[in-house]
Amino acid sequence: MIELLTFVLAGCFLGVITGMLPGLHVNNLSLILLLLFPTMPSNIIALIVAMAITHSFFDFLPSIVLGAPDSESYLSVLPGHRFLLKGRAYEALLLTIAGGLFAGVAAIILAPLFVLFLSFAKGILPKIIPFVLIVVLISMVVFSRNIKSSALVVLLSSLLGVFVLRSLSIKNGLMALIIGFFALSTLLISIVRESRIRKQVVAKQAFSLKDSVKGSLLALAGASTIAIMPSIGPSQAAFILSKIFGKIKTQAYLVMLGGINTCNLIFSLFVLYALGKSRTGIALAISSATITAKELLLFCGAFLIAIAFSVLALKAIGSELLKRIHRVSYRKINSAILCSLFAFVFFACGLVGLLSSLVACFIAIYAIANRVRRTNCMAFLMVPTILFYMGL
């Protein structure tokens, strides 16, 4: 047990590193561990799940402060940046922490019911997935403020996604497109507009219990949807939930995003256990192992330890960082992050991957300029998934 706890804590510390460094994703480290440990012993799986949970908390810090999100936290860029520019980045960070804490613990408690649902629904899911995705895609355009521009963004993103992910088969092509759509575009706009960081208020925050509860419940609903439906990410889940439950306050929205980020990882492990399907990079890395019910219980313990560690560590590190962030040049930071992401995409995805990332970046900038939600850019992943499930 002591040995297992040591691996869990090691995973927590690795999750801090991957979460805070843009471009260094937990999925990459997990796949490296898979190469080193092909049989995936229990200790290594515990390390990976703890690393993933900690990463899901810490990756909000660079996305809120630097505008450099990864594939899970990119949706927090806009609301997080609004809080940053008002000097309330610490409040935004605490809201995501609250979501990860409350919704994450709830996801572990409700996991048996989730597995029971999967056992009944697994036969019909592959048949309905493409039609659900088509409805979501059409709704994203129809309910847009600018239907023509929204449709164009969906069309361009879809064509780019099909071309890159199905025709070119670029190494790490998915990563290149995500960085282009959601990181490069944000950084370029911040640099051009010369955004400045004001002094941040770092103090105890009083949150609305109603917003926290609502955000956590929405996170559970959104994460379960993501875990079941491939290519639907936090953005699409948030869109669906907003249409069902109405407009979501920014505070509840950030709680929801923090919860979705963490719950998705927890539910993905149970989807792997129940269906043998890998919905996340973490699940893919450990899919070679045979997970028993007893081991699943141990991994739930690893989840809880990682959640507790992340809450305490992120509050401490986040507050110290935000106390000093206004003293540095925001433009220089963003320029440095932009250059590092260019280099990262080039070495990880090649020249064609970098060019694809730039095309994605310009599509996203067009969306921003025409007041189109960047969630529409997720068509780059949804359309290839629809084609796959329809056998095309």
Protein backbone atom coordinates (compact mmCIF):
# COMPACT_ATOMS: atom_id res chain seq x y z
CA MET A 1 0.00 0.00 0.00
CA ILE A 2 2.88 2.38 0.80
CA GLU A 3 4.39 1.64 -2.61
CA LEU A 4 1.07 2.38 -4.33
CA LEU A 5 0.73 5.67 -2.43
CA THR A 6 4.27 6.63 -3.52
CA PHE A 7 3.33 6.13 -7.19
CA VAL A 8 0.12 8.12 -6.73
CA LEU A 9 2.01 11.07 -5.21
CA ALA A 10 4.62 10.85 -7.97
CA GLY A 11 1.78 11.08 -10.48
CA CYS A 12 0.42 14.15 -8.68
CA PHE A 13 3.75 15.97 -8.96
CA LEU A 14 4.06 15.04 -12.64
CA GLY A 15 0.53 16.36 -13.19
CA VAL A 16 1.56 19.73 -11.76
CA ILE A 17 4.38 19.93 -14.31
CA THR A 18 2.30 18.86 -17.32
CA GLY A 19 -0.56 21.12 -16.31
CA MET A 20 1.55 24.25 -15.96
CA LEU A 21 3.71 23.87 -19.04
CA PRO A 22 1.77 24.59 -22.28
CA GLY A 23 2.43 21.94 -24.92
CA LEU A 24 3.53 19.26 -22.43
CA HIS A 25 0.46 17.09 -22.27
CA VAL A 26 -0.24 14.30 -19.84
CA ASN A 27 -1.25 12.04 -22.76
CA ASN A 28 2.28 12.19 -24.15
CA LEU A 29 3.85 11.12 -20.85
CA SER A 30 1.26 8.35 -20.52
CA LEU A 31 2.15 6.95 -23.94
CA ILE A 32 5.85 7.07 -23.02
CA LEU A 33 5.06 5.06 -19.88
CA LEU A 34 3.14 2.61 -22.07
CA LEU A 35 6.29 2.05 -24.12
CA LEU A 36 8.35 1.52 -20.95
CA PHE A 37 5.74 -0.70 -19.25
CA PRO A 38 3.75 -2.52 -21.98
CA THR A 39 1.86 -4.68 -19.46
CA MET A 40 0.78 -1.62 -17.45
CA PRO A 41 1.15 -2.82 -13.83
CA SER A 42 -1.26 -1.43 -11.24
CA ASN A 43 1.27 1.01 -9.76
CA ILE A 44 1.90 2.62 -13.14
CA ILE A 45 -1.83 2.89 -13.86
CA ALA A 46 -2.32 4.54 -10.45
CA LEU A 47 0.48 6.99 -11.32
CA ILE A 48 -1.15 7.79 -14.66
CA VAL A 49 -4.65 8.36 -13.26
CA ALA A 50 -3.27 10.57 -10.45
CA MET A 51 -1.21 12.52 -12.98
CA ALA A 52 -4.26 12.98 -15.22
CA ILE A 53 -6.49 14.22 -12.39
CA THR A 54 -3.86 16.69 -11.16
CA HIS A 55 -3.30 17.86 -14.73
CA SER A 56 -7.05 18.45 -15.13
CA PHE A 57 -6.90 20.95 -12.26
CA PHE A 58 -3.61 22.66 -13.09
CA ASP A 59 -4.13 23.14 -16.83
CA PHE A 60 -6.63 25.90 -16.03
CA LEU A 61 -3.80 28.04 -14.66
CA PRO A 62 -1.98 28.60 -18.00
CA SER A 63 -5.28 28.77 -19.90
CA ILE A 64 -6.61 31.55 -17.66
CA VAL A 65 -3.34 33.46 -17.16
CA LEU A 66 -1.51 32.88 -20.43
CA GLY A 67 -4.20 31.94 -22.93
CA ALA A 68 -2.39 28.70 -23.78
CA PRO A 69 -4.94 25.91 -23.22
CA ASP A 70 -4.70 22.21 -23.95
CA SER A 71 -7.34 19.92 -25.44
CA GLU A 72 -9.48 19.88 -22.28
CA SER A 73 -9.25 23.39 -20.87
CA TYR A 74 -9.44 25.52 -24.03
CA LEU A 75 -13.03 26.57 -23.36
CA SER A 76 -11.95 28.38 -20.18
CA VAL A 77 -9.84 30.87 -22.17
CA LEU A 78 -12.57 33.44 -22.84
CA PRO A 79 -14.38 33.58 -19.46
CA GLY A 80 -11.05 33.13 -17.65
CA HIS A 81 -9.51 36.00 -19.56
CA ARG A 82 -12.46 38.26 -18.77
CA PHE A 83 -11.85 37.64 -15.08
CA LEU A 84 -8.09 38.19 -15.56
CA LEU A 85 -8.60 41.56 -17.21
CA LYS A 86 -10.83 42.60 -14.31
CA GLY A 87 -8.24 41.54 -11.74
CA ARG A 88 -10.30 38.49 -10.72
CA ALA A 89 -8.24 35.62 -12.13
CA TYR A 90 -7.90 34.05 -8.67
CA GLU A 91 -11.67 33.92 -8.38
CA ALA A 92 -11.88 32.21 -11.79
CA LEU A 93 -9.24 29.71 -10.71
CA LEU A 94 -11.07 28.93 -7.46
CA LEU A 95 -14.30 28.37 -9.38
CA THR A 96 -12.64 25.74 -11.58
CA ILE A 97 -11.14 24.16 -8.45
CA ALA A 98 -14.59 24.01 -6.83
CA GLY A 99 -15.98 22.31 -9.92
CA GLY A 100 -13.20 19.74 -10.01
CA LEU A 101 -13.59 19.01 -6.29
CA PHE A 102 -17.37 18.72 -5.98
CA ALA A 103 -18.13 17.16 -9.35
CA GLY A 104 -15.08 14.87 -9.19
CA VAL A 105 -16.08 13.38 -5.84
CA ALA A 106 -19.69 13.07 -7.02
CA ALA A 107 -18.54 11.27 -10.18
CA ILE A 108 -16.72 8.66 -8.09
CA ILE A 109 -19.80 8.14 -5.90
CA LEU A 110 -22.12 7.83 -8.92
CA ALA A 111 -19.74 5.66 -10.97
CA PRO A 112 -21.57 2.35 -10.22
CA LEU A 113 -24.81 3.81 -11.63
CA PHE A 114 -22.89 5.05 -14.67
CA VAL A 115 -21.47 1.56 -15.30
CA LEU A 116 -24.96 0.07 -14.92
CA PHE A 117 -26.30 2.51 -17.53
CA LEU A 118 -23.47 1.64 -19.92
CA SER A 119 -24.25 -2.07 -19.66
CA PHE A 120 -27.81 -1.40 -20.89
CA ALA A 121 -26.96 1.21 -23.52
CA LYS A 122 -23.82 -0.25 -25.13
CA GLY A 123 -25.76 -2.00 -27.90
CA ILE A 124 -27.53 1.10 -29.19
CA LEU A 125 -24.83 3.75 -28.68
CA PRO A 126 -22.85 3.13 -31.92
CA LYS A 127 -26.08 3.44 -33.93
CA ILE A 128 -27.19 6.78 -32.51
CA ILE A 129 -23.80 8.51 -32.13
CA PRO A 130 -23.57 9.94 -35.71
CA PHE A 131 -27.14 11.27 -35.62
CA VAL A 132 -26.63 12.93 -32.23
CA LEU A 133 -23.48 14.61 -33.55
CA ILE A 134 -25.31 15.81 -36.69
CA VAL A 135 -28.07 17.37 -34.58
CA VAL A 136 -25.52 19.10 -32.35
CA LEU A 137 -23.60 20.39 -35.36
CA ILE A 138 -26.71 21.80 -37.04
CA SER A 139 -27.87 23.36 -33.77
CA MET A 140 -24.52 25.12 -33.36
CA VAL A 141 -25.14 26.91 -36.65
CA VAL A 142 -28.88 27.53 -36.33
CA PHE A 143 -28.62 29.07 -32.86
CA SER A 144 -25.67 31.27 -33.80
CA ARG A 145 -25.98 35.07 -33.89
CA ASN A 146 -24.34 35.13 -37.32
CA ILE A 147 -25.64 32.09 -39.19
CA LYS A 148 -23.74 32.66 -42.45
CA SER A 149 -20.35 33.17 -40.80
CA SER A 150 -21.07 30.36 -38.36
CA ALA A 151 -21.86 27.98 -41.23
CA LEU A 152 -18.66 29.03 -43.01
CA VAL A 153 -16.58 28.37 -39.88
CA VAL A 154 -18.17 24.93 -39.52
CA LEU A 155 -17.56 24.19 -43.22
CA LEU A 156 -13.91 25.31 -43.20
CA SER A 157 -13.18 23.54 -39.92
CA SER A 158 -14.83 20.35 -41.20
CA LEU A 159 -12.85 20.36 -44.44
CA LEU A 160 -9.60 20.99 -42.56
CA GLY A 161 -10.37 18.23 -40.07
CA VAL A 162 -11.23 15.67 -42.73
CA PHE A 163 -8.17 16.61 -44.77
CA VAL A 164 -5.70 16.53 -41.86
CA LEU A 165 -7.11 13.66 -39.81
CA ARG A 166 -8.22 11.34 -42.62
CA SER A 167 -6.27 12.20 -45.76
CA LEU A 168 -2.89 13.39 -44.52
CA SER A 169 -2.70 11.27 -41.34
CA ILE A 170 -0.19 13.70 -39.83
CA LYS A 171 1.59 12.55 -36.70
CA ASN A 172 -0.16 14.25 -33.75
CA GLY A 173 -2.45 16.00 -36.24
CA LEU A 174 -5.23 16.32 -33.67
CA MET A 175 -2.89 18.17 -31.32
CA ALA A 176 -1.75 20.51 -34.10
CA LEU A 177 -5.34 21.50 -34.91
CA ILE A 178 -6.35 22.01 -31.28
CA ILE A 179 -3.34 24.26 -30.69
CA GLY A 180 -4.10 26.20 -33.86
CA PHE A 181 -7.81 26.71 -33.20
CA PHE A 182 -7.67 27.46 -29.50
CA ALA A 183 -4.16 28.53 -28.48
CA LEU A 184 -2.40 30.30 -31.37
CA SER A 185 -5.46 32.40 -32.19
CA THR A 186 -5.87 33.56 -28.58
CA LEU A 187 -2.19 34.41 -28.22
CA LEU A 188 -2.00 36.31 -31.51
CA ILE A 189 -5.02 38.42 -30.66
CA SER A 190 -3.65 39.20 -27.20
CA ILE A 191 -0.32 40.28 -28.71
CA VAL A 192 -1.92 42.46 -31.39
CA ARG A 193 -4.29 44.12 -28.92
CA GLU A 194 -1.46 44.59 -26.40
CA SER A 195 -3.57 43.28 -23.54
CA ARG A 196 -2.27 44.28 -20.13
CA ILE A 197 -2.62 42.46 -16.83
CA ARG A 198 -3.89 44.52 -13.94
CA LYS A 199 -3.06 43.69 -10.34
CA GLN A 200 -5.01 40.62 -9.29
CA VAL A 201 -7.14 40.38 -6.17
CA VAL A 202 -5.89 37.36 -4.25
CA ALA A 203 -8.11 36.91 -1.22
CA LYS A 204 -10.74 34.61 0.20
CA GLN A 205 -13.75 34.39 -2.08
CA ALA A 206 -17.39 33.90 -1.15
CA PHE A 207 -19.11 31.78 -3.79
CA SER A 208 -22.78 31.35 -4.43
CA LEU A 209 -23.85 27.91 -3.24
CA LYS A 210 -26.46 27.86 -5.99
CA ASP A 211 -23.82 28.48 -8.71
CA SER A 212 -21.50 25.85 -7.25
CA VAL A 213 -24.21 23.21 -7.03
CA LYS A 214 -25.63 24.04 -10.47
CA GLY A 215 -22.18 24.06 -12.08
CA SER A 216 -21.25 20.73 -10.48
CA LEU A 217 -24.50 19.05 -11.55
CA LEU A 218 -24.08 20.37 -15.08
CA ALA A 219 -20.50 19.09 -15.06
CA LEU A 220 -21.71 15.59 -14.20
CA ALA A 221 -24.25 15.71 -17.03
CA GLY A 222 -21.71 17.12 -19.48
CA ALA A 223 -18.92 14.72 -18.53
CA SER A 224 -21.16 11.67 -18.85
CA THR A 225 -22.15 12.89 -22.33
CA ILE A 226 -18.52 13.38 -23.35
CA ALA A 227 -17.55 9.97 -22.00
CA ILE A 228 -20.24 8.27 -24.08
CA MET A 229 -20.18 10.36 -27.25
CA PRO A 230 -16.83 10.54 -29.10
CA SER A 231 -15.69 13.94 -30.48
CA ILE A 232 -18.09 15.86 -28.23
CA GLY A 233 -15.89 17.98 -25.99
CA PRO A 234 -16.57 20.40 -23.14
CA SER A 235 -17.65 23.07 -25.63
CA GLN A 236 -20.36 20.94 -27.22
CA ALA A 237 -21.49 19.62 -23.83
CA ALA A 238 -21.76 23.19 -22.53
CA PHE A 239 -23.68 24.20 -25.66
CA ILE A 240 -26.16 21.34 -25.28
CA LEU A 241 -26.65 22.05 -21.58
CA SER A 242 -27.19 25.79 -22.18
CA LYS A 243 -29.94 24.99 -24.69
CA ILE A 244 -31.61 22.61 -22.26
CA PHE A 245 -31.26 24.63 -19.04
CA GLY A 246 -31.00 28.17 -20.42
CA LYS A 247 -28.24 30.74 -20.05
CA ILE A 248 -25.55 29.73 -17.55
CA LYS A 249 -23.95 32.41 -15.35
CA THR A 250 -20.22 32.84 -15.85
CA GLN A 251 -19.46 31.68 -12.29
CA ALA A 252 -21.50 28.49 -12.70
CA TYR A 253 -19.99 28.06 -16.16
CA LEU A 254 -16.44 28.04 -14.79
CA VAL A 255 -17.47 25.60 -12.05
CA MET A 256 -18.98 23.42 -14.76
CA LEU A 257 -15.82 23.51 -16.87
CA GLY A 258 -13.62 22.59 -13.93
CA GLY A 259 -15.96 19.71 -13.11
CA ILE A 260 -16.23 18.46 -16.69
CA ASN A 261 -12.46 18.43 -17.04
CA THR A 262 -12.03 16.16 -14.01
CA CYS A 263 -15.20 14.05 -14.33
CA ASN A 264 -14.46 13.22 -17.96
CA LEU A 265 -11.22 11.49 -16.91
CA ILE A 266 -12.97 9.58 -14.12
CA PHE A 267 -15.84 8.45 -16.32
CA SER A 268 -13.46 7.50 -19.15
CA LEU A 269 -11.85 4.88 -16.90
CA PHE A 270 -15.26 3.38 -16.18
CA VAL A 271 -16.15 3.42 -19.89
CA LEU A 272 -12.92 1.48 -20.51
CA TYR A 273 -13.88 -0.98 -17.76
CA ALA A 274 -17.49 -1.43 -18.94
CA LEU A 275 -17.19 -1.16 -22.74
CA GLY A 276 -13.50 -1.56 -23.49
CA LYS A 277 -13.61 1.79 -25.34
CA SER A 278 -10.92 4.47 -25.03
CA ARG A 279 -12.48 7.95 -24.95
CA THR A 280 -9.40 9.80 -23.67
CA GLY A 281 -5.64 9.60 -24.17
CA ILE A 282 -5.31 8.30 -20.61
CA ALA A 283 -7.78 5.47 -21.25
CA LEU A 284 -5.94 4.65 -24.47
CA ALA A 285 -2.61 4.40 -22.63
CA ILE A 286 -3.94 1.93 -20.06
CA SER A 287 -6.26 0.03 -22.40
CA SER A 288 -3.72 -2.81 -22.75
CA ALA A 289 -4.20 -3.70 -19.07
CA THR A 290 -7.01 -5.84 -17.73
CA ILE A 291 -8.67 -3.85 -14.96
CA THR A 292 -10.54 -5.82 -12.30
CA ALA A 293 -13.25 -4.48 -10.02
CA LYS A 294 -10.81 -4.57 -7.08
CA GLU A 295 -8.23 -2.55 -8.99
CA LEU A 296 -10.92 -0.10 -10.06
CA LEU A 297 -11.66 0.51 -6.39
CA LEU A 298 -7.97 1.20 -5.74
CA PHE A 299 -7.87 3.65 -8.63
CA CYS A 300 -10.88 5.48 -7.15
CA GLY A 301 -8.70 5.95 -4.06
CA ALA A 302 -5.99 7.37 -6.32
CA PHE A 303 -8.57 9.75 -7.81
CA LEU A 304 -9.54 11.03 -4.35
CA ILE A 305 -5.92 11.53 -3.24
CA ALA A 306 -5.13 13.38 -6.47
CA ILE A 307 -8.21 15.61 -6.09
CA ALA A 308 -7.27 16.55 -2.51
CA PHE A 309 -3.64 17.19 -3.52
CA SER A 310 -4.69 19.31 -6.51
CA VAL A 311 -7.07 21.52 -4.53
CA LEU A 312 -4.44 22.38 -1.91
CA ALA A 313 -1.48 22.68 -4.31
CA LEU A 314 -3.28 24.74 -6.96
CA LYS A 315 -4.63 27.24 -4.42
CA ALA A 316 -1.11 27.77 -3.03
CA ILE A 317 0.73 27.93 -6.35
CA GLY A 318 -1.99 29.91 -8.11
CA SER A 319 -2.18 32.58 -5.43
CA GLU A 320 1.60 33.13 -5.42
CA LEU A 321 1.76 33.31 -9.21
CA LEU A 322 -1.16 35.72 -9.51
CA LYS A 323 0.28 38.05 -6.85
CA ARG A 324 3.25 38.65 -9.17
CA ILE A 325 1.82 38.25 -12.67
CA HIS A 326 1.07 41.99 -13.12
CA ARG A 327 4.77 42.86 -12.72
CA VAL A 328 5.81 41.16 -15.95
CA SER A 329 5.14 42.09 -19.56
CA TYR A 330 2.06 40.18 -20.65
CA ARG A 331 2.94 40.77 -24.30
CA LYS A 332 6.42 39.29 -23.81
CA ILE A 333 4.99 36.27 -22.00
CA ASN A 334 2.47 35.62 -24.76
CA SER A 335 5.15 36.10 -27.43
CA ALA A 336 7.39 33.58 -25.68
CA ILE A 337 4.52 31.08 -25.34
CA LEU A 338 3.61 31.61 -29.00
CA CYS A 339 7.18 30.89 -30.15
CA SER A 340 7.41 27.82 -27.93
CA LEU A 341 4.13 26.47 -29.33
CA PHE A 342 5.34 27.04 -32.90
CA ALA A 343 8.50 25.07 -32.09
CA PHE A 344 6.54 22.37 -30.27
CA VAL A 345 4.11 21.84 -33.16
CA PHE A 346 6.95 21.78 -35.67
CA PHE A 347 8.92 19.10 -33.79
CA ALA A 348 5.88 17.07 -32.72
CA CYS A 349 3.84 17.29 -35.94
CA GLY A 350 6.30 18.29 -38.69
CA LEU A 351 6.12 21.12 -41.20
CA VAL A 352 2.77 20.01 -42.61
CA GLY A 353 1.39 19.84 -39.09
CA LEU A 354 2.60 23.38 -38.41
CA LEU A 355 0.98 24.65 -41.63
CA SER A 356 -2.26 22.88 -40.67
CA SER A 357 -2.10 24.52 -37.25
CA LEU A 358 -1.70 27.95 -38.86
CA VAL A 359 -4.69 27.37 -41.14
CA ALA A 360 -6.72 26.39 -38.07
CA CYS A 361 -5.50 29.55 -36.33
CA PHE A 362 -6.73 31.80 -39.16
CA ILE A 363 -10.13 30.06 -39.24
CA ALA A 364 -10.46 30.74 -35.51
CA ILE A 365 -9.43 34.39 -35.95
CA TYR A 366 -12.09 34.74 -38.69
CA ALA A 367 -14.63 33.31 -36.23
CA ILE A 368 -13.61 35.80 -33.53
CA ALA A 369 -13.69 38.72 -35.97
CA ASN A 370 -17.22 37.79 -37.03
CA ARG A 371 -18.53 37.14 -33.53
CA VAL A 372 -18.83 33.40 -34.06
CA ARG A 373 -18.25 31.09 -31.12
CA ARG A 374 -15.01 29.18 -31.43
CA THR A 375 -16.89 26.07 -30.32
CA ASN A 376 -18.01 25.88 -33.96
CA CYS A 377 -14.42 25.08 -34.85
CA MET A 378 -14.90 21.71 -33.13
CA ALA A 379 -16.55 20.62 -36.38
CA PHE A 380 -13.00 19.66 -37.38
CA LEU A 381 -13.33 16.63 -35.08
CA MET A 382 -17.07 16.04 -35.16
CA VAL A 383 -17.40 15.60 -38.93
CA PRO A 384 -14.62 12.97 -39.26
CA THR A 385 -16.22 11.11 -36.35
CA ILE A 386 -19.64 11.21 -38.05
CA LEU A 387 -18.12 9.85 -41.26
CA PHE A 388 -16.34 7.09 -39.32
CA TYR A 389 -19.50 5.88 -37.56
CA MET A 390 -21.48 6.02 -40.82
CA GLY A 391 -18.85 3.86 -42.49
CA LEU A 392 -17.82 6.53 -45.01
